[in-house]
Each structure stands twice: as C-alpha cells, then as structure tokens.
C-alpha cells in the first residue's frame, strides 16, 4: 500500500476533530460582540435617561426607548444624586447564563 493511500481521509478526520473548537471560538467571539453592544447601548440609555430627567420626563421610559427588547428586559434605572445610573444585564449568546451587568452613569443640568 502506498503512503498516499494510507493517509487518505486524514484531512477530513482532522477537520471533524477541529470543528468543536471552531464552534466554541465563534461563540466566544459572538459573546464579546454582544457584550460590547450592551456596553455601548448602556451609555446611550444613560444619556437619554439623563436628558429626560433634565426636562422633567420619566428617565426609565426614556432609557427603555433606545434599547432593543432583549436588553430592555434587564434594565434598571436609578436616580443618582443629580444624575442617572443605568444598569443592564449582559445577554448570553448560549443558554441563560448570568454574565454580569454593565453600569453607566450620566448627568445633565436641569433645563428650564
């Protein structure tokens, strides 16, 4: 039997063995993207809530208006001195794992 014939199918076996690692890596990268988006949107929600508070509107409603439904479910808005603090749960890409929260704070002077 020739050497080429003996190694036939080796690349397929290696690819199949590597697939779970590639899938796990892709999920980790996607989770990092989702966490980054949550951080970005937490800042936007905090600014919108502070803007609403400055004009006498409801900060929680304003913060919720800039978030997608998946993030709005984990939203907590609190008045913090003269500002507003927004807390969001980081959504999990797989399952219902608790990955922590992101906190953002913003402040605007009251508008007359």
N, C-alpha and C. Protein backbone atom coordinates (compact mmCIF):
# COMPACT_ATOMS: atom_id res chain seq x y z
N UNK A 1 0.84 -1.17 0.00
CA UNK A 1 0.00 0.00 0.00
C UNK A 1 0.89 1.24 0.00
N UNK A 2 0.56 2.22 -0.85
CA UNK A 2 1.37 3.42 -0.94
C UNK A 2 1.08 4.36 0.23
N UNK A 3 2.02 5.25 0.47
CA UNK A 3 1.89 6.20 1.58
C UNK A 3 0.69 7.13 1.36
N UNK A 4 0.47 7.60 0.15
CA UNK A 4 -0.67 8.48 -0.16
C UNK A 4 -1.99 7.76 0.11
N UNK A 5 -2.04 6.51 -0.21
CA UNK A 5 -3.26 5.75 0.04
C UNK A 5 -3.49 5.54 1.54
N UNK A 6 -2.44 5.39 2.32
CA UNK A 6 -2.54 5.17 3.76
C UNK A 6 -3.04 6.42 4.48
N UNK A 7 -2.73 7.60 3.95
CA UNK A 7 -3.12 8.86 4.59
C UNK A 7 -4.41 9.43 4.01
N UNK A 8 -5.09 8.71 3.22
CA UNK A 8 -6.31 9.17 2.60
C UNK A 8 -7.39 9.42 3.66
N UNK A 9 -8.00 10.58 3.62
CA UNK A 9 -9.04 10.92 4.58
C UNK A 9 -8.52 11.58 5.84
N UNK A 10 -7.22 11.76 5.95
CA UNK A 10 -6.63 12.36 7.15
C UNK A 10 -7.13 13.79 7.37
N UNK A 11 -7.21 14.57 6.30
CA UNK A 11 -7.66 15.96 6.42
C UNK A 11 -9.11 16.02 6.91
N UNK A 12 -9.93 15.11 6.47
CA UNK A 12 -11.32 15.07 6.91
C UNK A 12 -11.41 14.77 8.39
N UNK A 13 -10.64 13.83 8.85
CA UNK A 13 -10.63 13.47 10.27
C UNK A 13 -10.15 14.65 11.11
N UNK A 14 -9.11 15.34 10.65
CA UNK A 14 -8.60 16.50 11.39
C UNK A 14 -9.63 17.63 11.43
N UNK A 15 -10.33 17.86 10.33
CA UNK A 15 -11.35 18.90 10.30
C UNK A 15 -12.49 18.57 11.26
N UNK A 16 -12.93 17.35 11.27
CA UNK A 16 -14.02 16.94 12.17
C UNK A 16 -13.58 17.08 13.62
N UNK A 17 -12.35 16.78 13.91
CA UNK A 17 -11.84 16.93 15.29
C UNK A 17 -11.74 18.40 15.67
N UNK A 18 -11.49 19.28 14.72
CA UNK A 18 -11.31 20.69 14.99
C UNK A 18 -12.62 21.48 15.02
N UNK A 19 -13.69 20.94 14.45
CA UNK A 19 -14.96 21.66 14.39
C UNK A 19 -15.49 22.13 15.74
N UNK A 20 -15.49 21.32 16.80
CA UNK A 20 -15.99 21.82 18.09
C UNK A 20 -15.18 23.01 18.61
N UNK A 21 -13.88 23.01 18.37
CA UNK A 21 -13.04 24.13 18.80
C UNK A 21 -13.41 25.39 18.01
N UNK A 22 -13.64 25.25 16.72
CA UNK A 22 -14.02 26.38 15.88
C UNK A 22 -15.39 26.94 16.29
N UNK A 23 -16.33 26.06 16.61
CA UNK A 23 -17.65 26.50 17.05
C UNK A 23 -17.55 27.24 18.38
N UNK A 24 -16.78 26.71 19.31
CA UNK A 24 -16.60 27.37 20.61
C UNK A 24 -15.94 28.73 20.44
N UNK A 25 -14.96 28.83 19.58
CA UNK A 25 -14.30 30.11 19.32
C UNK A 25 -15.27 31.11 18.71
N UNK A 26 -16.10 30.66 17.78
CA UNK A 26 -17.08 31.55 17.16
C UNK A 26 -18.09 32.04 18.20
N UNK A 27 -18.53 31.17 19.10
CA UNK A 27 -19.47 31.58 20.14
C UNK A 27 -18.84 32.58 21.11
N UNK A 28 -17.58 32.37 21.46
CA UNK A 28 -16.90 33.33 22.33
C UNK A 28 -16.76 34.70 21.67
N UNK A 29 -16.42 34.71 20.39
CA UNK A 29 -16.31 35.97 19.68
C UNK A 29 -17.67 36.67 19.58
N UNK A 30 -18.71 35.91 19.31
CA UNK A 30 -20.05 36.49 19.23
C UNK A 30 -20.48 37.04 20.59
N UNK A 31 -20.14 36.35 21.67
CA UNK A 31 -20.47 36.84 23.01
C UNK A 31 -19.75 38.15 23.29
N UNK A 32 -18.51 38.27 22.84
CA UNK A 32 -17.78 39.52 23.03
C UNK A 32 -18.44 40.66 22.26
N UNK A 33 -18.93 40.38 21.07
CA UNK A 33 -19.63 41.40 20.29
C UNK A 33 -20.91 41.82 21.00
N UNK A 34 -21.66 40.86 21.52
CA UNK A 34 -22.91 41.17 22.23
C UNK A 34 -22.63 41.99 23.49
N UNK A 35 -21.59 41.65 24.23
CA UNK A 35 -21.23 42.41 25.43
C UNK A 35 -20.80 43.83 25.06
N UNK A 36 -20.07 43.97 23.98
CA UNK A 36 -19.67 45.31 23.52
C UNK A 36 -20.86 46.15 23.12
N UNK A 37 -21.81 45.55 22.45
CA UNK A 37 -23.02 46.27 22.08
C UNK A 37 -23.80 46.69 23.32
N UNK A 38 -23.87 45.82 24.31
CA UNK A 38 -24.57 46.15 25.56
C UNK A 38 -23.88 47.32 26.26
N UNK A 39 -22.55 47.36 26.24
CA UNK A 39 -21.84 48.48 26.85
C UNK A 39 -22.15 49.78 26.11
N UNK A 40 -22.14 49.74 24.81
CA UNK A 40 -22.42 50.92 24.00
C UNK A 40 -23.84 51.42 24.26
N UNK A 41 -24.80 50.50 24.26
CA UNK A 41 -26.20 50.87 24.45
C UNK A 41 -26.49 51.32 25.88
N UNK A 42 -25.74 50.82 26.85
CA UNK A 42 -25.92 51.28 28.23
C UNK A 42 -25.57 52.75 28.33
N UNK A 43 -24.50 53.16 27.68
CA UNK A 43 -24.13 54.57 27.66
C UNK A 43 -25.19 55.43 26.98
N UNK A 44 -25.72 54.95 25.87
CA UNK A 44 -26.78 55.69 25.17
C UNK A 44 -28.03 55.79 26.03
N UNK A 45 -28.38 54.71 26.70
CA UNK A 45 -29.57 54.72 27.56
C UNK A 45 -29.38 55.67 28.74
N UNK A 46 -28.17 55.71 29.29
CA UNK A 46 -27.90 56.61 30.41
C UNK A 46 -28.00 58.07 29.97
N UNK A 47 -27.46 58.39 28.80
CA UNK A 47 -27.56 59.76 28.30
C UNK A 47 -29.01 60.15 28.03
N UNK A 48 -29.77 59.24 27.45
CA UNK A 48 -31.18 59.53 27.18
C UNK A 48 -31.97 59.69 28.47
N UNK A 49 -31.69 58.86 29.47
CA UNK A 49 -32.37 58.97 30.76
C UNK A 49 -32.02 60.28 31.45
N UNK A 50 -30.76 60.69 31.38
CA UNK A 50 -30.35 61.96 31.99
C UNK A 50 -31.01 63.13 31.28
N UNK A 51 -31.11 63.04 29.96
CA UNK A 51 -31.78 64.09 29.20
C UNK A 51 -33.25 64.19 29.60
N UNK A 52 -33.90 63.05 29.75
CA UNK A 52 -35.31 63.04 30.16
C UNK A 52 -35.47 63.61 31.56
N UNK A 53 -34.58 63.23 32.45
CA UNK A 53 -34.67 63.75 33.82
C UNK A 53 -34.46 65.26 33.85
N UNK A 54 -33.56 65.77 33.01
CA UNK A 54 -33.27 67.19 32.98
C UNK A 54 -34.48 68.02 32.55
N UNK A 55 -35.37 67.43 31.74
CA UNK A 55 -36.55 68.17 31.29
C UNK A 55 -37.81 67.75 32.04
N UNK A 56 -37.65 66.91 33.05
CA UNK A 56 -38.78 66.53 33.89
C UNK A 56 -39.58 65.33 33.40
N UNK A 57 -39.05 64.56 32.46
CA UNK A 57 -39.74 63.37 31.95
C UNK A 57 -39.27 62.13 32.72
N UNK A 58 -39.86 60.99 32.38
CA UNK A 58 -39.55 59.72 33.05
C UNK A 58 -38.24 59.15 32.50
N UNK A 59 -37.18 59.07 33.33
CA UNK A 59 -35.90 58.56 32.84
C UNK A 59 -35.94 57.08 32.43
N UNK A 60 -36.70 56.27 33.15
CA UNK A 60 -36.75 54.84 32.82
C UNK A 60 -37.39 54.62 31.46
N UNK A 61 -38.45 55.34 31.18
CA UNK A 61 -39.12 55.20 29.88
C UNK A 61 -38.19 55.67 28.76
N UNK A 62 -37.47 56.75 29.01
CA UNK A 62 -36.54 57.27 28.00
C UNK A 62 -35.41 56.28 27.74
N UNK A 63 -34.87 55.70 28.80
CA UNK A 63 -33.78 54.72 28.63
C UNK A 63 -34.28 53.49 27.88
N UNK A 64 -35.48 53.04 28.20
CA UNK A 64 -36.05 51.87 27.55
C UNK A 64 -36.29 52.13 26.06
N UNK A 65 -36.57 53.38 25.70
CA UNK A 65 -36.89 53.70 24.30
C UNK A 65 -35.70 53.53 23.36
N UNK A 66 -34.49 53.58 23.87
CA UNK A 66 -33.32 53.45 22.99
C UNK A 66 -32.74 52.04 22.99
N UNK A 67 -33.34 51.14 23.75
CA UNK A 67 -32.81 49.78 23.85
C UNK A 67 -33.66 48.79 23.07
N UNK A 68 -33.03 47.77 22.49
CA UNK A 68 -33.82 46.68 21.91
C UNK A 68 -34.50 45.90 23.04
N UNK A 69 -35.56 45.20 22.70
CA UNK A 69 -36.35 44.48 23.70
C UNK A 69 -35.51 43.50 24.51
N UNK A 70 -34.52 42.88 23.89
CA UNK A 70 -33.70 41.90 24.60
C UNK A 70 -32.90 42.54 25.74
N UNK A 71 -32.50 43.78 25.59
CA UNK A 71 -31.76 44.47 26.65
C UNK A 71 -32.69 45.20 27.61
N UNK A 72 -33.83 45.64 27.12
CA UNK A 72 -34.76 46.40 27.97
C UNK A 72 -35.30 45.53 29.11
N UNK A 73 -35.35 44.22 28.91
CA UNK A 73 -35.84 43.33 29.97
C UNK A 73 -34.94 43.35 31.20
N UNK A 74 -33.66 43.56 31.02
CA UNK A 74 -32.71 43.56 32.13
C UNK A 74 -32.32 44.96 32.58
N UNK A 75 -33.16 45.94 32.31
CA UNK A 75 -32.82 47.34 32.59
C UNK A 75 -33.24 47.75 34.00
N UNK A 76 -32.37 48.49 34.67
CA UNK A 76 -32.69 49.12 35.95
C UNK A 76 -32.17 50.55 35.88
N UNK A 77 -33.05 51.51 36.16
CA UNK A 77 -32.69 52.93 36.11
C UNK A 77 -32.89 53.50 37.50
N UNK A 78 -31.88 54.21 38.00
CA UNK A 78 -31.97 54.82 39.33
C UNK A 78 -31.49 56.26 39.26
N UNK A 79 -32.16 57.11 39.99
CA UNK A 79 -31.70 58.49 40.13
C UNK A 79 -30.52 58.47 41.08
N UNK A 80 -29.46 59.10 40.68
CA UNK A 80 -28.22 59.04 41.44
C UNK A 80 -27.73 60.47 41.68
N UNK A 81 -28.14 61.05 42.80
CA UNK A 81 -27.78 62.44 43.07
C UNK A 81 -28.40 63.34 42.02
N UNK A 82 -27.55 64.00 41.26
CA UNK A 82 -28.07 64.86 40.20
C UNK A 82 -28.00 64.18 38.83
N UNK A 83 -27.69 62.89 38.80
CA UNK A 83 -27.60 62.15 37.54
C UNK A 83 -28.50 60.94 37.54
N UNK A 84 -28.23 60.07 36.60
CA UNK A 84 -29.00 58.84 36.43
C UNK A 84 -28.01 57.70 36.23
N UNK A 85 -28.28 56.57 36.89
CA UNK A 85 -27.47 55.37 36.70
C UNK A 85 -28.32 54.32 36.01
N UNK A 86 -27.78 53.73 34.96
CA UNK A 86 -28.46 52.69 34.20
C UNK A 86 -27.67 51.40 34.38
N UNK A 87 -28.37 50.33 34.67
CA UNK A 87 -27.74 49.02 34.83
C UNK A 87 -28.43 48.04 33.87
N UNK A 88 -27.61 47.34 33.08
CA UNK A 88 -28.11 46.36 32.12
C UNK A 88 -27.47 45.01 32.37
N UNK A 89 -28.24 43.96 32.22
CA UNK A 89 -27.67 42.61 32.24
C UNK A 89 -27.05 42.32 30.89
N UNK A 90 -25.90 41.69 30.90
CA UNK A 90 -25.26 41.28 29.64
C UNK A 90 -25.98 40.02 29.16
N UNK A 91 -26.57 40.08 27.97
CA UNK A 91 -27.28 38.90 27.48
C UNK A 91 -26.31 37.78 27.10
N UNK A 92 -26.75 36.56 27.31
CA UNK A 92 -25.94 35.39 26.99
C UNK A 92 -26.28 34.90 25.59
N UNK A 93 -25.26 34.55 24.82
CA UNK A 93 -25.47 34.03 23.48
C UNK A 93 -26.02 32.61 23.55
N UNK A 94 -25.56 31.83 24.50
CA UNK A 94 -25.99 30.44 24.63
C UNK A 94 -26.57 30.22 26.01
N UNK A 95 -27.76 29.72 26.08
CA UNK A 95 -28.38 29.40 27.37
C UNK A 95 -28.80 30.65 28.12
N UNK A 96 -28.98 30.48 29.40
CA UNK A 96 -29.41 31.59 30.26
C UNK A 96 -28.37 31.91 31.32
N UNK A 97 -27.12 31.83 30.92
CA UNK A 97 -26.03 32.10 31.86
C UNK A 97 -26.07 33.55 32.33
N UNK A 98 -25.70 33.78 33.56
CA UNK A 98 -25.61 35.14 34.11
C UNK A 98 -24.17 35.60 33.91
N UNK A 99 -24.01 36.60 33.06
CA UNK A 99 -22.68 37.07 32.72
C UNK A 99 -22.31 38.37 33.41
N UNK A 100 -23.20 38.90 34.21
CA UNK A 100 -22.91 40.13 34.91
C UNK A 100 -23.74 41.29 34.39
N UNK A 101 -23.41 42.46 34.88
CA UNK A 101 -24.14 43.65 34.49
C UNK A 101 -23.17 44.75 34.06
N UNK A 102 -23.72 45.69 33.32
CA UNK A 102 -22.97 46.86 32.89
C UNK A 102 -23.66 48.07 33.51
N UNK A 103 -22.89 48.97 34.06
CA UNK A 103 -23.44 50.18 34.68
C UNK A 103 -22.89 51.39 33.95
N UNK A 104 -23.80 52.32 33.65
CA UNK A 104 -23.40 53.58 33.03
C UNK A 104 -24.10 54.72 33.76
N UNK A 105 -23.40 55.82 33.90
CA UNK A 105 -23.96 56.97 34.61
C UNK A 105 -23.84 58.20 33.74
N UNK A 106 -24.87 59.04 33.80
CA UNK A 106 -24.86 60.27 33.03
C UNK A 106 -25.56 61.36 33.82
N UNK A 107 -25.18 62.60 33.52
CA UNK A 107 -25.77 63.73 34.24
C UNK A 107 -25.91 64.92 33.30
N UNK A 108 -27.04 65.56 33.36
CA UNK A 108 -27.26 66.82 32.66
C UNK A 108 -27.87 67.80 33.63
N UNK A 109 -27.54 69.08 33.48
CA UNK A 109 -28.14 70.08 34.34
C UNK A 109 -29.62 70.23 34.00
N UNK A 110 -30.46 70.45 35.02
CA UNK A 110 -31.90 70.63 34.76
C UNK A 110 -32.14 71.78 33.79
N UNK A 111 -33.09 71.57 32.89
CA UNK A 111 -33.43 72.58 31.87
C UNK A 111 -34.66 73.35 32.31
N UNK A 112 -34.64 74.61 32.10
CA UNK A 112 -35.77 75.45 32.49
C UNK A 112 -36.83 75.49 31.43
